[in-house]
Amino acid sequence: MTTSSPIVLAAGQITRADRLAVGLVKPPDMPAAVLIRWPLKPSVVEPNPQALASLAASLVRVLAEAQVRLAKINMKGRRS
């Protein structure tokens, strides 16, 4: 696994226009790292509590999925 070929831990839409991606990389000369790829431009939501809650839920869903996948990868590594 290299920085040019990360393992995708999770990815998903956080707004109609924005996507969040979380990957695991292991450069040969550095420790492994989790990279979070945020949208390049600011995310825009309607100015109401429900829209903001929906954005927060989407963020949490993607990050939680990444956490679960990373835990599975780490468990496999410990068994080897």
N, C-alpha and C. Protein backbone atom coordinates (compact mmCIF):
# COMPACT_ATOMS: atom_id res chain seq x y z
N MET A 1 0.86 -1.17 0.00
CA MET A 1 0.00 0.00 0.00
C MET A 1 0.90 1.23 0.00
N THR A 2 0.62 2.17 -0.87
CA THR A 2 1.42 3.38 -0.98
C THR A 2 0.49 4.59 -1.00
N THR A 3 1.08 5.79 -0.97
CA THR A 3 0.25 7.00 -1.04
C THR A 3 -0.44 7.08 -2.39
N SER A 4 0.11 6.47 -3.42
CA SER A 4 -0.54 6.51 -4.72
C SER A 4 -1.66 5.48 -4.83
N SER A 5 -1.70 4.52 -3.93
CA SER A 5 -2.77 3.53 -3.95
C SER A 5 -3.33 3.31 -2.54
N PRO A 6 -4.04 4.30 -2.02
CA PRO A 6 -4.58 4.16 -0.67
C PRO A 6 -5.72 3.14 -0.63
N ILE A 7 -5.95 2.58 0.54
CA ILE A 7 -7.11 1.74 0.78
C ILE A 7 -8.25 2.67 1.14
N VAL A 8 -9.35 2.61 0.41
CA VAL A 8 -10.50 3.45 0.73
C VAL A 8 -11.21 2.84 1.93
N LEU A 9 -11.24 3.59 3.01
CA LEU A 9 -11.93 3.12 4.21
C LEU A 9 -13.42 3.44 4.15
N ALA A 10 -13.75 4.60 3.60
CA ALA A 10 -15.15 5.01 3.46
C ALA A 10 -15.22 6.23 2.56
N ALA A 11 -16.37 6.42 1.94
CA ALA A 11 -16.62 7.60 1.13
C ALA A 11 -18.12 7.79 1.02
N GLY A 12 -18.55 9.03 0.91
CA GLY A 12 -19.97 9.27 0.75
C GLY A 12 -20.30 10.73 0.58
N GLN A 13 -21.49 10.97 0.08
CA GLN A 13 -22.00 12.33 -0.10
C GLN A 13 -22.31 12.94 1.26
N ILE A 14 -21.89 14.18 1.45
CA ILE A 14 -22.23 14.89 2.70
C ILE A 14 -23.22 16.02 2.43
N THR A 15 -23.26 16.48 1.19
CA THR A 15 -24.30 17.40 0.71
C THR A 15 -24.62 16.95 -0.71
N ARG A 16 -25.56 17.62 -1.35
CA ARG A 16 -25.88 17.25 -2.74
C ARG A 16 -24.67 17.38 -3.65
N ALA A 17 -23.79 18.31 -3.34
CA ALA A 17 -22.65 18.59 -4.22
C ALA A 17 -21.31 18.09 -3.68
N ASP A 18 -21.23 17.76 -2.40
CA ASP A 18 -19.93 17.46 -1.78
C ASP A 18 -19.81 16.01 -1.34
N ARG A 19 -18.59 15.50 -1.50
CA ARG A 19 -18.28 14.12 -1.13
C ARG A 19 -17.09 14.12 -0.18
N LEU A 20 -17.12 13.24 0.80
CA LEU A 20 -16.03 13.08 1.75
C LEU A 20 -15.44 11.69 1.53
N ALA A 21 -14.12 11.59 1.53
CA ALA A 21 -13.46 10.30 1.36
C ALA A 21 -12.40 10.13 2.45
N VAL A 22 -12.31 8.91 2.97
CA VAL A 22 -11.34 8.58 4.01
C VAL A 22 -10.52 7.39 3.52
N GLY A 23 -9.20 7.53 3.53
CA GLY A 23 -8.35 6.46 3.05
C GLY A 23 -7.20 6.17 4.00
N LEU A 24 -6.62 5.01 3.84
CA LEU A 24 -5.47 4.57 4.63
C LEU A 24 -4.28 4.47 3.69
N VAL A 25 -3.17 5.12 4.06
CA VAL A 25 -1.95 5.05 3.25
C VAL A 25 -0.79 4.59 4.10
N LYS A 26 0.17 3.95 3.47
CA LYS A 26 1.38 3.50 4.15
C LYS A 26 2.57 3.79 3.27
N PRO A 27 3.11 5.01 3.38
CA PRO A 27 4.31 5.32 2.61
C PRO A 27 5.47 4.45 3.07
N PRO A 28 6.39 4.10 2.18
CA PRO A 28 7.49 3.21 2.56
C PRO A 28 8.40 3.80 3.64
N ASP A 29 8.51 5.11 3.70
CA ASP A 29 9.46 5.72 4.63
C ASP A 29 8.79 6.44 5.80
N MET A 30 7.48 6.20 5.99
CA MET A 30 6.74 6.88 7.06
C MET A 30 5.72 5.91 7.67
N PRO A 31 5.20 6.26 8.86
CA PRO A 31 4.15 5.42 9.44
C PRO A 31 2.86 5.52 8.64
N ALA A 32 2.00 4.55 8.80
CA ALA A 32 0.69 4.57 8.14
C ALA A 32 -0.09 5.79 8.64
N ALA A 33 -0.99 6.27 7.79
CA ALA A 33 -1.79 7.44 8.15
C ALA A 33 -3.17 7.34 7.53
N VAL A 34 -4.13 7.95 8.18
CA VAL A 34 -5.48 8.06 7.64
C VAL A 34 -5.59 9.44 7.00
N LEU A 35 -6.02 9.49 5.74
CA LEU A 35 -6.20 10.74 5.03
C LEU A 35 -7.70 11.01 4.86
N ILE A 36 -8.12 12.19 5.24
CA ILE A 36 -9.51 12.59 5.05
C ILE A 36 -9.52 13.64 3.96
N ARG A 37 -10.21 13.33 2.88
CA ARG A 37 -10.29 14.25 1.75
C ARG A 37 -11.61 15.02 1.83
N TRP A 38 -11.49 16.27 2.26
CA TRP A 38 -12.64 17.14 2.39
C TRP A 38 -12.93 17.80 1.05
N PRO A 39 -14.13 18.30 0.85
CA PRO A 39 -14.42 19.03 -0.39
C PRO A 39 -13.47 20.21 -0.54
N LEU A 40 -13.16 20.54 -1.78
CA LEU A 40 -12.23 21.65 -2.04
C LEU A 40 -12.84 23.00 -1.73
N LYS A 41 -14.15 23.11 -1.90
CA LYS A 41 -14.84 24.37 -1.63
C LYS A 41 -15.71 24.21 -0.39
N PRO A 42 -16.08 25.31 0.23
CA PRO A 42 -16.96 25.21 1.41
C PRO A 42 -18.27 24.51 1.07
N SER A 43 -18.75 23.69 1.97
CA SER A 43 -20.04 23.03 1.80
C SER A 43 -21.14 24.01 2.17
N VAL A 44 -22.19 24.03 1.38
CA VAL A 44 -23.29 24.97 1.60
C VAL A 44 -24.56 24.19 1.94
N VAL A 45 -25.21 24.57 3.04
CA VAL A 45 -26.49 23.98 3.41
C VAL A 45 -27.47 25.10 3.72
N GLU A 46 -28.75 24.77 3.67
CA GLU A 46 -29.78 25.75 4.01
C GLU A 46 -29.62 26.19 5.46
N PRO A 47 -29.94 27.44 5.77
CA PRO A 47 -29.75 27.95 7.14
C PRO A 47 -30.89 27.53 8.07
N ASN A 48 -30.99 26.21 8.28
CA ASN A 48 -31.98 25.73 9.24
C ASN A 48 -31.40 24.53 9.99
N PRO A 49 -31.88 24.28 11.19
CA PRO A 49 -31.32 23.21 12.02
C PRO A 49 -31.39 21.83 11.37
N GLN A 50 -32.44 21.54 10.63
CA GLN A 50 -32.58 20.22 10.01
C GLN A 50 -31.50 19.99 8.94
N ALA A 51 -31.24 21.00 8.14
CA ALA A 51 -30.21 20.87 7.10
C ALA A 51 -28.83 20.68 7.72
N LEU A 52 -28.55 21.42 8.78
CA LEU A 52 -27.26 21.27 9.45
C LEU A 52 -27.15 19.91 10.13
N ALA A 53 -28.23 19.45 10.72
CA ALA A 53 -28.23 18.11 11.34
C ALA A 53 -28.01 17.02 10.29
N SER A 54 -28.58 17.19 9.13
CA SER A 54 -28.39 16.22 8.05
C SER A 54 -26.93 16.18 7.60
N LEU A 55 -26.31 17.34 7.48
CA LEU A 55 -24.89 17.40 7.12
C LEU A 55 -24.05 16.71 8.19
N ALA A 56 -24.32 17.01 9.45
CA ALA A 56 -23.56 16.40 10.55
C ALA A 56 -23.73 14.88 10.54
N ALA A 57 -24.96 14.42 10.32
CA ALA A 57 -25.21 12.97 10.28
C ALA A 57 -24.44 12.31 9.14
N SER A 58 -24.38 12.97 8.00
CA SER A 58 -23.64 12.42 6.86
C SER A 58 -22.15 12.32 7.16
N LEU A 59 -21.61 13.36 7.79
CA LEU A 59 -20.20 13.33 8.18
C LEU A 59 -19.91 12.19 9.14
N VAL A 60 -20.76 12.06 10.16
CA VAL A 60 -20.57 11.02 11.17
C VAL A 60 -20.69 9.64 10.54
N ARG A 61 -21.63 9.46 9.61
CA ARG A 61 -21.82 8.16 8.96
C ARG A 61 -20.56 7.75 8.20
N VAL A 62 -19.98 8.66 7.43
CA VAL A 62 -18.77 8.33 6.66
C VAL A 62 -17.60 8.05 7.60
N LEU A 63 -17.42 8.88 8.61
CA LEU A 63 -16.30 8.68 9.54
C LEU A 63 -16.47 7.40 10.36
N ALA A 64 -17.69 7.07 10.75
CA ALA A 64 -17.93 5.83 11.50
C ALA A 64 -17.65 4.61 10.63
N GLU A 65 -18.05 4.67 9.37
CA GLU A 65 -17.77 3.57 8.45
C GLU A 65 -16.26 3.38 8.30
N ALA A 66 -15.53 4.49 8.21
CA ALA A 66 -14.07 4.41 8.11
C ALA A 66 -13.47 3.80 9.38
N GLN A 67 -13.99 4.18 10.53
CA GLN A 67 -13.48 3.65 11.79
C GLN A 67 -13.68 2.15 11.88
N VAL A 68 -14.84 1.68 11.48
CA VAL A 68 -15.13 0.24 11.52
C VAL A 68 -14.21 -0.51 10.56
N ARG A 69 -14.05 0.01 9.36
CA ARG A 69 -13.18 -0.65 8.38
C ARG A 69 -11.73 -0.68 8.86
N LEU A 70 -11.26 0.41 9.44
CA LEU A 70 -9.90 0.46 9.96
C LEU A 70 -9.72 -0.54 11.10
N ALA A 71 -10.71 -0.67 11.96
CA ALA A 71 -10.63 -1.65 13.06
C ALA A 71 -10.52 -3.07 12.50
N LYS A 72 -11.28 -3.37 11.45
CA LYS A 72 -11.21 -4.70 10.83
C LYS A 72 -9.83 -4.95 10.23
N ILE A 73 -9.27 -3.93 9.58
CA ILE A 73 -7.93 -4.07 9.00
C ILE A 73 -6.90 -4.30 10.10
N ASN A 74 -7.01 -3.56 11.19
CA ASN A 74 -6.06 -3.71 12.30
C ASN A 74 -6.20 -5.08 12.96
N MET A 75 -7.41 -5.59 13.07
CA MET A 75 -7.61 -6.92 13.66
C MET A 75 -6.98 -8.00 12.78
N LYS A 76 -7.13 -7.89 11.46
CA LYS A 76 -6.51 -8.84 10.54
C LYS A 76 -4.99 -8.80 10.69
N GLY A 77 -4.44 -7.60 10.83
CA GLY A 77 -2.99 -7.45 10.97
C GLY A 77 -2.46 -8.09 12.25
N ARG A 78 -3.25 -8.06 13.29
CA ARG A 78 -2.81 -8.66 14.57
C ARG A 78 -2.86 -10.18 14.52
N ARG A 79 -3.76 -10.71 13.71
CA ARG A 79 -3.88 -12.18 13.59
C ARG A 79 -2.75 -12.77 12.79
N SER A 80 -2.16 -11.97 11.89
CA SER A 80 -1.10 -12.49 11.00
C SER A 80 0.21 -12.68 11.73
